[in-house]
Amino acid sequence: MSLLVQNAILVVFAASFAARLGLPVPAAAVLVVTGALLAAGDVSVPGVVAAAVVANLLGDGAWFYAGRRFGYRFMRLLCRISLSPDTCVRRGESLITDWGGMSLVAAKFVPGVSVVAPPMAGALGMSVRRFIGFDIGAALVWTGLFLGLGWVFRNQIQEVLAVMAQAGGIATAALAVLLLVILAVRYWRRRAFMRLTGMPRISVEELHELLSGEEPPLVIDVRGQAGMQVDPRRIPGAEAYTLKALQQRSLDLSHASGRVVVLYCNCPNEVSAAQAARVLLARGARRALPLTGGLDAWVASGRPTSVD
């Protein structure tokens, strides 16, 4: 509390900037406590709001520039270091595709996507002016909401902080245990999800041999619309169906029955391709196999690609 009172603007800026860079810093909690201090008149309201907005713009701007500069390669790297790499790209794509610039506002409140939306917007070619406008609006909404919560519940926050201060080491240990439990649950869910999507894969070499045979397989690109816009390359002859489209019963997949089907994506662990393969197997496909390494492995092997 004394640190916030004496250096509120600096603390809010540092916490907000770190959170926008993707570091595990509880910026929302810092803003809530700061909101309680604002109600007591101990902190400058314009200074705190400006610090949070500038920090958001700088952090998101760095990701936006990286996405604009390096495109799909940066998105792939970003999602590999994410706590939820299997859904990182897909959720980011869905937000950008469905919400456009407003996705920058929604992403502030969606765990695992707040760091993905800015580089995705950059990779998809959003203009700098449009990005700055939406990001400033998103930062104002995000900052105002948590400062407002602190303002409204200032009495309760003071009581909680007083209890934690009296508890001392016990409160610190409790928070550490809570963090470990959260990480353990996330790890368990990830392991369970990987077992669910575990199935035989097909290598790039095996797919190339099948494509040269008398009965070539049906190759399906299951990347999202935004993913294909970021990286328009495709395995020659591949058909494009998103995972969501394949899950729809109304989609006619009669041409896939009786054929070997190979599916690929650009997601870690081929999760989207594995999920799509399970959908096709449930609908009567003879064999449905995810391509190991996805499109990246195909390109790395030196095989040709097409842009359709």
C-alpha atoms as a PDB file:
ATOM      1  CA  MET A   1       0.000   0.000   0.000  1.00  0.00           C
ATOM      2  CA  SER A   2       2.778   2.436   0.885  1.00  0.00           C
ATOM      3  CA  LEU A   3       4.563   1.580  -2.361  1.00  0.00           C
ATOM      4  CA  LEU A   4       1.412   2.305  -4.350  1.00  0.00           C
ATOM      5  CA  VAL A   5       0.707   5.557  -2.524  1.00  0.00           C
ATOM      6  CA  GLN A   6       4.234   6.870  -3.102  1.00  0.00           C
ATOM      7  CA  ASN A   7       4.753   5.530  -6.641  1.00  0.00           C
ATOM      8  CA  ALA A   8       1.272   4.762  -7.957  1.00  0.00           C
ATOM      9  CA  ILE A   9       1.852   5.991 -11.513  1.00  0.00           C
ATOM     10  CA  LEU A  10       5.159   4.116 -11.863  1.00  0.00           C
ATOM     11  CA  VAL A  11       3.774   0.881 -10.367  1.00  0.00           C
ATOM     12  CA  VAL A  12       0.656   0.957 -12.563  1.00  0.00           C
ATOM     13  CA  PHE A  13       2.764   1.624 -15.653  1.00  0.00           C
ATOM     14  CA  ALA A  14       5.232  -1.190 -14.868  1.00  0.00           C
ATOM     15  CA  ALA A  15       2.516  -3.748 -14.035  1.00  0.00           C
ATOM     16  CA  SER A  16       0.394  -2.886 -17.074  1.00  0.00           C
ATOM     17  CA  PHE A  17       3.365  -2.918 -19.445  1.00  0.00           C
ATOM     18  CA  ALA A  18       4.597  -6.273 -18.109  1.00  0.00           C
ATOM     19  CA  ALA A  19       1.124  -7.791 -18.427  1.00  0.00           C
ATOM     20  CA  ARG A  20       0.798  -6.621 -22.038  1.00  0.00           C
ATOM     21  CA  LEU A  21       4.146  -8.231 -22.824  1.00  0.00           C
ATOM     22  CA  GLY A  22       2.736 -11.509 -21.499  1.00  0.00           C
ATOM     23  CA  LEU A  23       4.556 -11.705 -18.173  1.00  0.00           C
ATOM     24  CA  PRO A  24       2.632 -13.273 -15.248  1.00  0.00           C
ATOM     25  CA  VAL A  25       2.047  -9.967 -13.454  1.00  0.00           C
ATOM     26  CA  PRO A  26      -1.361  -9.345 -11.768  1.00  0.00           C
ATOM     27  CA  ALA A  27      -1.915  -5.959 -13.404  1.00  0.00           C
ATOM     28  CA  ALA A  28      -5.693  -6.141 -12.927  1.00  0.00           C
ATOM     29  CA  ALA A  29      -5.260  -6.605  -9.166  1.00  0.00           C
ATOM     30  CA  VAL A  30      -2.845  -3.653  -9.053  1.00  0.00           C
ATOM     31  CA  LEU A  31      -5.444  -1.484 -10.783  1.00  0.00           C
ATOM     32  CA  VAL A  32      -8.189  -2.609  -8.388  1.00  0.00           C
ATOM     33  CA  VAL A  33      -6.082  -1.655  -5.351  1.00  0.00           C
ATOM     34  CA  THR A  34      -5.137   1.615  -7.054  1.00  0.00           C
ATOM     35  CA  GLY A  35      -8.846   2.295  -7.590  1.00  0.00           C
ATOM     36  CA  ALA A  36      -9.368   2.040  -3.838  1.00  0.00           C
ATOM     37  CA  LEU A  37      -6.593   4.585  -3.311  1.00  0.00           C
ATOM     38  CA  LEU A  38      -8.157   6.908  -5.874  1.00  0.00           C
ATOM     39  CA  ALA A  39     -11.339   6.959  -3.813  1.00  0.00           C
ATOM     40  CA  ALA A  40      -9.303   8.134  -0.820  1.00  0.00           C
ATOM     41  CA  GLY A  41      -7.768  10.940  -2.880  1.00  0.00           C
ATOM     42  CA  ASP A  42      -4.219   9.674  -2.390  1.00  0.00           C
ATOM     43  CA  VAL A  43      -3.434   9.224  -6.099  1.00  0.00           C
ATOM     44  CA  SER A  44      -3.845  11.313  -9.260  1.00  0.00           C
ATOM     45  CA  VAL A  45      -6.643   9.909 -11.428  1.00  0.00           C
ATOM     46  CA  PRO A  46      -5.406  11.388 -14.764  1.00  0.00           C
ATOM     47  CA  GLY A  47      -1.852  10.258 -14.028  1.00  0.00           C
ATOM     48  CA  VAL A  48      -2.864   6.657 -13.290  1.00  0.00           C
ATOM     49  CA  VAL A  49      -5.142   6.406 -16.338  1.00  0.00           C
ATOM     50  CA  ALA A  50      -2.494   7.903 -18.627  1.00  0.00           C
ATOM     51  CA  ALA A  51       0.183   5.552 -17.269  1.00  0.00           C
ATOM     52  CA  ALA A  52      -1.993   2.473 -17.850  1.00  0.00           C
ATOM     53  CA  VAL A  53      -3.029   3.544 -21.364  1.00  0.00           C
ATOM     54  CA  VAL A  54       0.541   4.370 -22.446  1.00  0.00           C
ATOM     55  CA  ALA A  55       1.800   1.059 -21.023  1.00  0.00           C
ATOM     56  CA  ASN A  56      -0.896  -0.850 -22.911  1.00  0.00           C
ATOM     57  CA  LEU A  57      -0.116   0.961 -26.145  1.00  0.00           C
ATOM     58  CA  LEU A  58       3.633   0.353 -25.854  1.00  0.00           C
ATOM     59  CA  GLY A  59       3.283  -3.343 -24.943  1.00  0.00           C
ATOM     60  CA  ASP A  60       0.634  -4.120 -27.530  1.00  0.00           C
ATOM     61  CA  GLY A  61       2.469  -1.972 -30.073  1.00  0.00           C
ATOM     62  CA  ALA A  62       5.600  -4.093 -29.704  1.00  0.00           C
ATOM     63  CA  TRP A  63       3.590  -7.277 -30.443  1.00  0.00           C
ATOM     64  CA  PHE A  64       1.751  -5.532 -33.297  1.00  0.00           C
ATOM     65  CA  TYR A  65       5.035  -4.522 -34.934  1.00  0.00           C
ATOM     66  CA  ALA A  66       6.460  -8.027 -34.517  1.00  0.00           C
ATOM     67  CA  GLY A  67       3.382  -9.570 -36.153  1.00  0.00           C
ATOM     68  CA  ARG A  68       3.508  -7.013 -38.956  1.00  0.00           C
ATOM     69  CA  ARG A  69       7.227  -7.566 -39.495  1.00  0.00           C
ATOM     70  CA  PHE A  70       7.523 -11.355 -39.183  1.00  0.00           C
ATOM     71  CA  GLY A  71       3.962 -12.569 -39.864  1.00  0.00           C
ATOM     72  CA  TYR A  72       3.090 -16.234 -39.413  1.00  0.00           C
ATOM     73  CA  ARG A  73       6.602 -17.180 -38.237  1.00  0.00           C
ATOM     74  CA  PHE A  74       6.267 -14.937 -35.201  1.00  0.00           C
ATOM     75  CA  MET A  75       2.748 -16.213 -34.455  1.00  0.00           C
ATOM     76  CA  ARG A  76       4.047 -19.769 -34.494  1.00  0.00           C
ATOM     77  CA  LEU A  77       6.840 -18.915 -32.051  1.00  0.00           C
ATOM     78  CA  LEU A  78       4.480 -16.973 -29.785  1.00  0.00           C
ATOM     79  CA  CYS A  79       2.011 -19.831 -29.491  1.00  0.00           C
ATOM     80  CA  ARG A  80       4.729 -22.383 -28.794  1.00  0.00           C
ATOM     81  CA  ILE A  81       5.750 -20.504 -25.637  1.00  0.00           C
ATOM     82  CA  SER A  82       2.130 -19.950 -24.579  1.00  0.00           C
ATOM     83  CA  LEU A  83       0.621 -21.808 -21.614  1.00  0.00           C
ATOM     84  CA  SER A  84      -2.105 -22.986 -24.002  1.00  0.00           C
ATOM     85  CA  PRO A  85      -0.242 -23.495 -27.305  1.00  0.00           C
ATOM     86  CA  ASP A  86      -2.825 -25.875 -28.769  1.00  0.00           C
ATOM     87  CA  THR A  87      -5.622 -23.310 -28.794  1.00  0.00           C
ATOM     88  CA  CYS A  88      -3.528 -20.163 -28.995  1.00  0.00           C
ATOM     89  CA  VAL A  89      -3.665 -19.614 -32.758  1.00  0.00           C
ATOM     90  CA  ARG A  90      -7.243 -20.792 -33.196  1.00  0.00           C
ATOM     91  CA  ARG A  91      -8.680 -18.529 -30.498  1.00  0.00           C
ATOM     92  CA  GLY A  92      -6.703 -15.553 -31.754  1.00  0.00           C
ATOM     93  CA  GLU A  93      -7.859 -16.168 -35.318  1.00  0.00           C
ATOM     94  CA  SER A  94     -11.480 -16.488 -34.228  1.00  0.00           C
ATOM     95  CA  LEU A  95     -11.385 -13.197 -32.361  1.00  0.00           C
ATOM     96  CA  ILE A  96      -9.791 -11.273 -35.230  1.00  0.00           C
ATOM     97  CA  THR A  97     -12.079 -12.836 -37.862  1.00  0.00           C
ATOM     98  CA  ASP A  98     -15.316 -12.390 -35.930  1.00  0.00           C
ATOM     99  CA  TRP A  99     -14.666  -9.091 -34.159  1.00  0.00           C
ATOM    100  CA  GLY A 100     -12.181  -7.213 -36.345  1.00  0.00           C
ATOM    101  CA  GLY A 101     -10.679  -4.233 -34.522  1.00  0.00           C
ATOM    102  CA  MET A 102     -12.995  -4.798 -31.548  1.00  0.00           C
ATOM    103  CA  SER A 103     -11.066  -8.007 -30.892  1.00  0.00           C
ATOM    104  CA  LEU A 104      -8.384  -5.829 -29.295  1.00  0.00           C
ATOM    105  CA  VAL A 105     -10.964  -4.812 -26.695  1.00  0.00           C
ATOM    106  CA  ALA A 106     -12.300  -8.336 -26.118  1.00  0.00           C
ATOM    107  CA  ALA A 107      -8.794  -9.826 -25.948  1.00  0.00           C
ATOM    108  CA  LYS A 108      -7.979  -7.773 -22.843  1.00  0.00           C
ATOM    109  CA  PHE A 109     -10.423  -9.943 -20.905  1.00  0.00           C
ATOM    110  CA  VAL A 110      -9.755 -13.357 -22.535  1.00  0.00           C
ATOM    111  CA  PRO A 111      -6.920 -15.315 -20.868  1.00  0.00           C
ATOM    112  CA  GLY A 112      -4.342 -16.641 -23.309  1.00  0.00           C
ATOM    113  CA  VAL A 113      -5.467 -14.363 -26.132  1.00  0.00           C
ATOM    114  CA  SER A 114      -4.564 -10.875 -24.860  1.00  0.00           C
ATOM    115  CA  VAL A 115      -0.998 -11.276 -26.145  1.00  0.00           C
ATOM    116  CA  VAL A 116      -2.068 -12.976 -29.382  1.00  0.00           C
ATOM    117  CA  ALA A 117      -4.518 -10.404 -30.749  1.00  0.00           C
ATOM    118  CA  PRO A 118      -2.057  -7.507 -31.369  1.00  0.00           C
ATOM    119  CA  PRO A 119       0.503  -9.526 -33.403  1.00  0.00           C
ATOM    120  CA  MET A 120      -2.339 -11.274 -35.236  1.00  0.00           C
ATOM    121  CA  ALA A 121      -3.764  -7.869 -36.164  1.00  0.00           C
ATOM    122  CA  GLY A 122      -0.329  -6.815 -37.395  1.00  0.00           C
ATOM    123  CA  ALA A 123       0.176 -10.006 -39.386  1.00  0.00           C
ATOM    124  CA  LEU A 124      -3.235  -9.570 -41.037  1.00  0.00           C
ATOM    125  CA  GLY A 125      -2.333  -6.073 -42.214  1.00  0.00           C
ATOM    126  CA  MET A 126      -4.379  -3.822 -39.895  1.00  0.00           C
ATOM    127  CA  SER A 127      -3.322  -0.203 -40.431  1.00  0.00           C
ATOM    128  CA  VAL A 128      -1.224   1.479 -37.744  1.00  0.00           C
ATOM    129  CA  ARG A 129      -3.770   4.271 -37.284  1.00  0.00           C
ATOM    130  CA  ARG A 130      -6.639   1.818 -36.854  1.00  0.00           C
ATOM    131  CA  PHE A 131      -4.634  -0.290 -34.418  1.00  0.00           C
ATOM    132  CA  ILE A 132      -3.716   2.717 -32.274  1.00  0.00           C
ATOM    133  CA  GLY A 133      -7.335   3.888 -32.160  1.00  0.00           C
ATOM    134  CA  PHE A 134      -8.740   0.519 -31.129  1.00  0.00           C
ATOM    135  CA  ASP A 135      -5.907  -0.179 -28.687  1.00  0.00           C
ATOM    136  CA  ILE A 136      -6.322   3.128 -26.886  1.00  0.00           C
ATOM    137  CA  GLY A 137     -10.062   2.467 -26.613  1.00  0.00           C
ATOM    138  CA  ALA A 138      -9.396  -1.059 -25.320  1.00  0.00           C
ATOM    139  CA  ALA A 139      -6.890   0.256 -22.767  1.00  0.00           C
ATOM    140  CA  LEU A 140      -9.382   2.843 -21.508  1.00  0.00           C
ATOM    141  CA  VAL A 141     -12.098   0.199 -21.090  1.00  0.00           C
ATOM    142  CA  TRP A 142      -9.736  -2.231 -19.352  1.00  0.00           C
ATOM    143  CA  THR A 143      -8.251   0.427 -17.066  1.00  0.00           C
ATOM    144  CA  GLY A 144     -11.573   2.064 -16.239  1.00  0.00           C
ATOM    145  CA  LEU A 145     -13.250  -1.230 -15.363  1.00  0.00           C
ATOM    146  CA  PHE A 146     -10.672  -2.357 -12.807  1.00  0.00           C
ATOM    147  CA  LEU A 147     -10.143   1.104 -11.336  1.00  0.00           C
ATOM    148  CA  GLY A 148     -13.932   1.366 -11.012  1.00  0.00           C
ATOM    149  CA  LEU A 149     -14.123  -1.980  -9.219  1.00  0.00           C
ATOM    150  CA  GLY A 150     -11.512  -0.783  -6.726  1.00  0.00           C
ATOM    151  CA  TRP A 151     -13.382   2.474  -6.239  1.00  0.00           C
ATOM    152  CA  VAL A 152     -16.716   0.735  -5.575  1.00  0.00           C
ATOM    153  CA  PHE A 153     -15.338  -1.975  -3.270  1.00  0.00           C
ATOM    154  CA  ARG A 154     -12.696   0.164  -1.547  1.00  0.00           C
ATOM    155  CA  ASN A 155     -13.857  -0.714   1.977  1.00  0.00           C
ATOM    156  CA  GLN A 156     -13.763  -4.459   1.369  1.00  0.00           C
ATOM    157  CA  ILE A 157     -10.352  -4.184  -0.332  1.00  0.00           C
ATOM    158  CA  GLN A 158      -8.935  -2.349   2.678  1.00  0.00           C
ATOM    159  CA  GLU A 159     -10.179  -5.135   4.952  1.00  0.00           C
ATOM    160  CA  VAL A 160      -8.680  -7.877   2.757  1.00  0.00           C
ATOM    161  CA  LEU A 161      -5.325  -6.084   2.580  1.00  0.00           C
ATOM    162  CA  ALA A 162      -5.331  -5.605   6.344  1.00  0.00           C
ATOM    163  CA  VAL A 163      -5.932  -9.323   6.911  1.00  0.00           C
ATOM    164  CA  MET A 164      -3.188 -10.245   4.457  1.00  0.00           C
ATOM    165  CA  ALA A 165      -0.761  -7.834   6.111  1.00  0.00           C
ATOM    166  CA  GLN A 166      -1.451  -9.416   9.519  1.00  0.00           C
ATOM    167  CA  ALA A 167      -1.100 -12.910   8.122  1.00  0.00           C
ATOM    168  CA  GLY A 168       2.332 -12.083   6.694  1.00  0.00           C
ATOM    169  CA  GLY A 169       4.123 -15.247   5.629  1.00  0.00           C
ATOM    170  CA  ILE A 170       0.939 -17.331   5.800  1.00  0.00           C
ATOM    171  CA  ALA A 171      -0.715 -15.144   3.138  1.00  0.00           C
ATOM    172  CA  THR A 172       2.369 -15.379   0.923  1.00  0.00           C
ATOM    173  CA  ALA A 173       2.455 -19.170   1.265  1.00  0.00           C
ATOM    174  CA  ALA A 174      -1.276 -19.384   0.504  1.00  0.00           C
ATOM    175  CA  LEU A 175      -0.824 -17.342  -2.679  1.00  0.00           C
ATOM    176  CA  ALA A 176       2.124 -19.529  -3.722  1.00  0.00           C
ATOM    177  CA  VAL A 177       0.078 -22.699  -3.173  1.00  0.00           C
ATOM    178  CA  LEU A 178      -2.809 -21.224  -5.161  1.00  0.00           C
ATOM    179  CA  LEU A 179      -0.458 -20.442  -8.068  1.00  0.00           C
ATOM    180  CA  LEU A 180       0.943 -23.974  -8.011  1.00  0.00           C
ATOM    181  CA  VAL A 181      -2.569 -25.441  -8.014  1.00  0.00           C
ATOM    182  CA  ILE A 182      -3.537 -23.320 -11.025  1.00  0.00           C
ATOM    183  CA  LEU A 183      -0.425 -24.388 -12.947  1.00  0.00           C
ATOM    184  CA  ALA A 184      -0.998 -28.054 -12.009  1.00  0.00           C
ATOM    185  CA  VAL A 185      -4.605 -27.919 -13.236  1.00  0.00           C
ATOM    186  CA  ARG A 186      -3.504 -26.318 -16.498  1.00  0.00           C
ATOM    187  CA  TYR A 187      -0.834 -29.021 -16.949  1.00  0.00           C
ATOM    188  CA  TRP A 188      -3.298 -31.827 -16.190  1.00  0.00           C
ATOM    189  CA  ARG A 189      -5.843 -30.437 -18.637  1.00  0.00           C
ATOM    190  CA  ARG A 190      -3.182 -30.164 -21.311  1.00  0.00           C
ATOM    191  CA  ARG A 191      -2.054 -33.772 -20.765  1.00  0.00           C
ATOM    192  CA  ALA A 192      -5.656 -34.993 -20.895  1.00  0.00           C
ATOM    193  CA  PHE A 193      -6.238 -33.014 -24.080  1.00  0.00           C
ATOM    194  CA  MET A 194      -3.121 -34.461 -25.690  1.00  0.00           C
ATOM    195  CA  ARG A 195      -4.283 -37.996 -24.862  1.00  0.00           C
ATOM    196  CA  LEU A 196      -7.648 -37.181 -26.410  1.00  0.00           C
ATOM    197  CA  THR A 197      -6.028 -36.111 -29.673  1.00  0.00           C
ATOM    198  CA  GLY A 198      -3.373 -38.813 -29.653  1.00  0.00           C
ATOM    199  CA  MET A 199      -3.531 -40.910 -32.836  1.00  0.00           C
ATOM    200  CA  PRO A 200      -1.232 -42.207 -35.587  1.00  0.00           C
ATOM    201  CA  ARG A 201       0.364 -39.525 -37.734  1.00  0.00           C
ATOM    202  CA  ILE A 202       1.732 -39.526 -41.263  1.00  0.00           C
ATOM    203  CA  SER A 203       5.133 -38.066 -42.146  1.00  0.00           C
ATOM    204  CA  VAL A 204       5.893 -35.701 -45.002  1.00  0.00           C
ATOM    205  CA  GLU A 205       7.814 -38.448 -46.822  1.00  0.00           C
ATOM    206  CA  GLU A 206       4.910 -40.889 -46.525  1.00  0.00           C
ATOM    207  CA  LEU A 207       2.449 -38.289 -47.780  1.00  0.00           C
ATOM    208  CA  HIS A 208       4.678 -37.478 -50.745  1.00  0.00           C
ATOM    209  CA  GLU A 209       4.811 -41.148 -51.688  1.00  0.00           C
ATOM    210  CA  LEU A 210       1.032 -41.480 -51.448  1.00  0.00           C
ATOM    211  CA  LEU A 211       0.519 -38.397 -53.609  1.00  0.00           C
ATOM    212  CA  SER A 212       2.710 -40.018 -56.288  1.00  0.00           C
ATOM    213  CA  GLY A 213       0.716 -43.273 -56.196  1.00  0.00           C
ATOM    214  CA  GLU A 214      -2.256 -44.450 -58.214  1.00  0.00           C
ATOM    215  CA  GLU A 215      -4.783 -43.552 -55.488  1.00  0.00           C
ATOM    216  CA  PRO A 216      -3.648 -40.221 -54.040  1.00  0.00           C
ATOM    217  CA  PRO A 217      -5.114 -39.249 -50.671  1.00  0.00           C
ATOM    218  CA  LEU A 218      -7.469 -36.365 -50.043  1.00  0.00           C
ATOM    219  CA  VAL A 219      -5.442 -33.600 -48.398  1.00  0.00           C
ATOM    220  CA  ILE A 220      -7.342 -31.089 -46.243  1.00  0.00           C
ATOM    221  CA  ASP A 221      -6.037 -27.785 -44.901  1.00  0.00           C
ATOM    222  CA  VAL A 222      -7.843 -27.184 -41.584  1.00  0.00           C
ATOM    223  CA  ARG A 223      -6.304 -23.808 -40.761  1.00  0.00           C
ATOM    224  CA  GLY A 224      -8.628 -20.927 -39.992  1.00  0.00           C
ATOM    225  CA  GLN A 225      -9.385 -18.176 -42.461  1.00  0.00           C
ATOM    226  CA  ALA A 226      -7.058 -15.734 -40.710  1.00  0.00           C
ATOM    227  CA  GLY A 227      -4.263 -18.306 -40.606  1.00  0.00           C
ATOM    228  CA  MET A 228      -4.484 -18.853 -44.360  1.00  0.00           C
ATOM    229  CA  GLN A 229      -4.517 -15.109 -44.929  1.00  0.00           C
ATOM    230  CA  VAL A 230      -1.342 -14.712 -42.867  1.00  0.00           C
ATOM    231  CA  ASP A 231       0.341 -17.628 -44.682  1.00  0.00           C
ATOM    232  CA  PRO A 232      -1.378 -18.302 -48.036  1.00  0.00           C
ATOM    233  CA  ARG A 233       0.868 -21.237 -48.940  1.00  0.00           C
ATOM    234  CA  ARG A 234      -0.804 -24.596 -49.291  1.00  0.00           C
ATOM    235  CA  ILE A 235       0.127 -28.176 -50.151  1.00  0.00           C
ATOM    236  CA  PRO A 236      -0.707 -28.537 -53.878  1.00  0.00           C
ATOM    237  CA  GLY A 237      -4.198 -29.963 -54.362  1.00  0.00           C
ATOM    238  CA  ALA A 238      -5.238 -29.505 -50.746  1.00  0.00           C
ATOM    239  CA  GLU A 239      -8.842 -28.540 -50.019  1.00  0.00           C
ATOM    240  CA  ALA A 240      -9.561 -25.930 -47.347  1.00  0.00           C
ATOM    241  CA  TYR A 241     -12.031 -26.771 -44.583  1.00  0.00           C
ATOM    242  CA  THR A 242     -11.828 -25.222 -41.128  1.00  0.00           C
ATOM    243  CA  LEU A 243     -12.256 -27.447 -38.084  1.00  0.00           C
ATOM    244  CA  LYS A 244     -15.572 -25.722 -37.387  1.00  0.00           C
ATOM    245  CA  ALA A 245     -16.800 -26.471 -40.921  1.00  0.00           C
ATOM    246  CA  LEU A 246     -15.819 -30.154 -40.677  1.00  0.00           C
ATOM    247  CA  GLN A 247     -17.758 -30.447 -37.424  1.00  0.00           C
ATOM    248  CA  GLN A 248     -20.983 -29.338 -39.116  1.00  0.00           C
ATOM    249  CA  ARG A 249     -23.201 -32.277 -40.038  1.00  0.00           C
ATOM    250  CA  SER A 250     -24.572 -30.415 -43.051  1.00  0.00           C
ATOM    251  CA  LEU A 251     -21.190 -30.435 -44.813  1.00  0.00           C
ATOM    252  CA  ASP A 252     -21.084 -32.971 -47.660  1.00  0.00           C
ATOM    253  CA  LEU A 253     -17.990 -35.148 -47.183  1.00  0.00           C
ATOM    254  CA  SER A 254     -19.016 -38.003 -49.473  1.00  0.00           C
ATOM    255  CA  HIS A 255     -15.860 -37.546 -51.565  1.00  0.00           C
ATOM    256  CA  ALA A 256     -13.800 -38.421 -48.466  1.00  0.00           C
ATOM    257  CA  SER A 257     -15.388 -41.827 -47.879  1.00  0.00           C
ATOM    258  CA  GLY A 258     -13.247 -44.766 -48.940  1.00  0.00           C
ATOM    259  CA  ARG A 259     -10.137 -42.610 -49.326  1.00  0.00           C
ATOM    260  CA  VAL A 260      -7.127 -41.934 -47.162  1.00  0.00           C
ATOM    261  CA  VAL A 261      -7.487 -38.417 -45.788  1.00  0.00           C
ATOM    262  CA  VAL A 262      -4.489 -36.386 -44.618  1.00  0.00           C
ATOM    263  CA  LEU A 263      -5.121 -33.228 -42.609  1.00  0.00           C
ATOM    264  CA  TYR A 264      -2.695 -30.497 -41.669  1.00  0.00           C
ATOM    265  CA  CYS A 265      -2.603 -27.189 -39.777  1.00  0.00           C
ATOM    266  CA  ASN A 266       0.032 -24.788 -38.463  1.00  0.00           C
ATOM    267  CA  CYS A 267      -0.763 -25.404 -34.787  1.00  0.00           C
ATOM    268  CA  PRO A 268       1.547 -26.996 -32.185  1.00  0.00           C
ATOM    269  CA  ASN A 269       1.174 -30.770 -31.874  1.00  0.00           C
ATOM    270  CA  GLU A 270      -1.201 -30.841 -34.891  1.00  0.00           C
ATOM    271  CA  VAL A 271      -4.101 -30.515 -32.462  1.00  0.00           C
ATOM    272  CA  SER A 272      -6.597 -29.007 -34.908  1.00  0.00           C
ATOM    273  CA  ALA A 273      -5.697 -31.615 -37.531  1.00  0.00           C
ATOM    274  CA  ALA A 274      -6.065 -34.423 -34.971  1.00  0.00           C
ATOM    275  CA  GLN A 275      -9.477 -33.148 -33.879  1.00  0.00           C
ATOM    276  CA  ALA A 276     -10.599 -32.900 -37.499  1.00  0.00           C
ATOM    277  CA  ALA A 277      -9.328 -36.438 -38.155  1.00  0.00           C
ATOM    278  CA  ARG A 278     -11.446 -37.758 -35.294  1.00  0.00           C
ATOM    279  CA  VAL A 279     -14.475 -35.998 -36.754  1.00  0.00           C
ATOM    280  CA  LEU A 280     -13.920 -37.634 -40.156  1.00  0.00           C
ATOM    281  CA  LEU A 281     -13.355 -41.087 -38.641  1.00  0.00           C
ATOM    282  CA  ALA A 282     -16.606 -40.743 -36.714  1.00  0.00           C
ATOM    283  CA  ARG A 283     -18.361 -39.891 -39.984  1.00  0.00           C
ATOM    284  CA  GLY A 284     -17.114 -42.998 -41.788  1.00  0.00           C
ATOM    285  CA  ALA A 285     -13.751 -42.083 -43.294  1.00  0.00           C
ATOM    286  CA  ARG A 286     -11.563 -45.141 -43.904  1.00  0.00           C
ATOM    287  CA  ARG A 287      -8.350 -43.512 -42.670  1.00  0.00           C
ATOM    288  CA  ALA A 288      -7.781 -39.961 -41.449  1.00  0.00           C
ATOM    289  CA  LEU A 289      -4.261 -38.982 -40.431  1.00  0.00           C
ATOM    290  CA  PRO A 290      -2.774 -35.684 -39.207  1.00  0.00           C
ATOM    291  CA  LEU A 291       0.422 -34.637 -40.968  1.00  0.00           C
ATOM    292  CA  THR A 292       3.334 -34.591 -38.522  1.00  0.00           C
ATOM    293  CA  GLY A 293       4.690 -31.062 -38.295  1.00  0.00           C
ATOM    294  CA  GLY A 294       1.885 -29.680 -40.449  1.00  0.00           C
ATOM    295  CA  LEU A 295       2.527 -27.201 -43.228  1.00  0.00           C
ATOM    296  CA  ASP A 296       5.799 -26.098 -41.636  1.00  0.00           C
ATOM    297  CA  ALA A 297       7.265 -29.600 -41.969  1.00  0.00           C
ATOM    298  CA  TRP A 298       6.137 -29.813 -45.607  1.00  0.00           C
ATOM    299  CA  VAL A 299       7.806 -26.488 -46.434  1.00  0.00           C
ATOM    300  CA  ALA A 300      10.960 -27.360 -44.465  1.00  0.00           C
ATOM    301  CA  SER A 301      11.349 -30.557 -46.501  1.00  0.00           C
ATOM    302  CA  GLY A 302      11.662 -28.523 -49.692  1.00  0.00           C
ATOM    303  CA  ARG A 303       8.402 -29.807 -51.193  1.00  0.00           C
ATOM    304  CA  PRO A 304       6.528 -27.413 -53.495  1.00  0.00           C
ATOM    305  CA  THR A 305       3.606 -25.301 -52.309  1.00  0.00           C
ATOM    306  CA  SER A 306       0.829 -23.478 -54.106  1.00  0.00           C
ATOM    307  CA  VAL A 307      -0.988 -20.232 -53.421  1.00  0.00           C
ATOM    308  CA  ASP A 308      -4.682 -20.564 -54.246  1.00  0.00           C
END
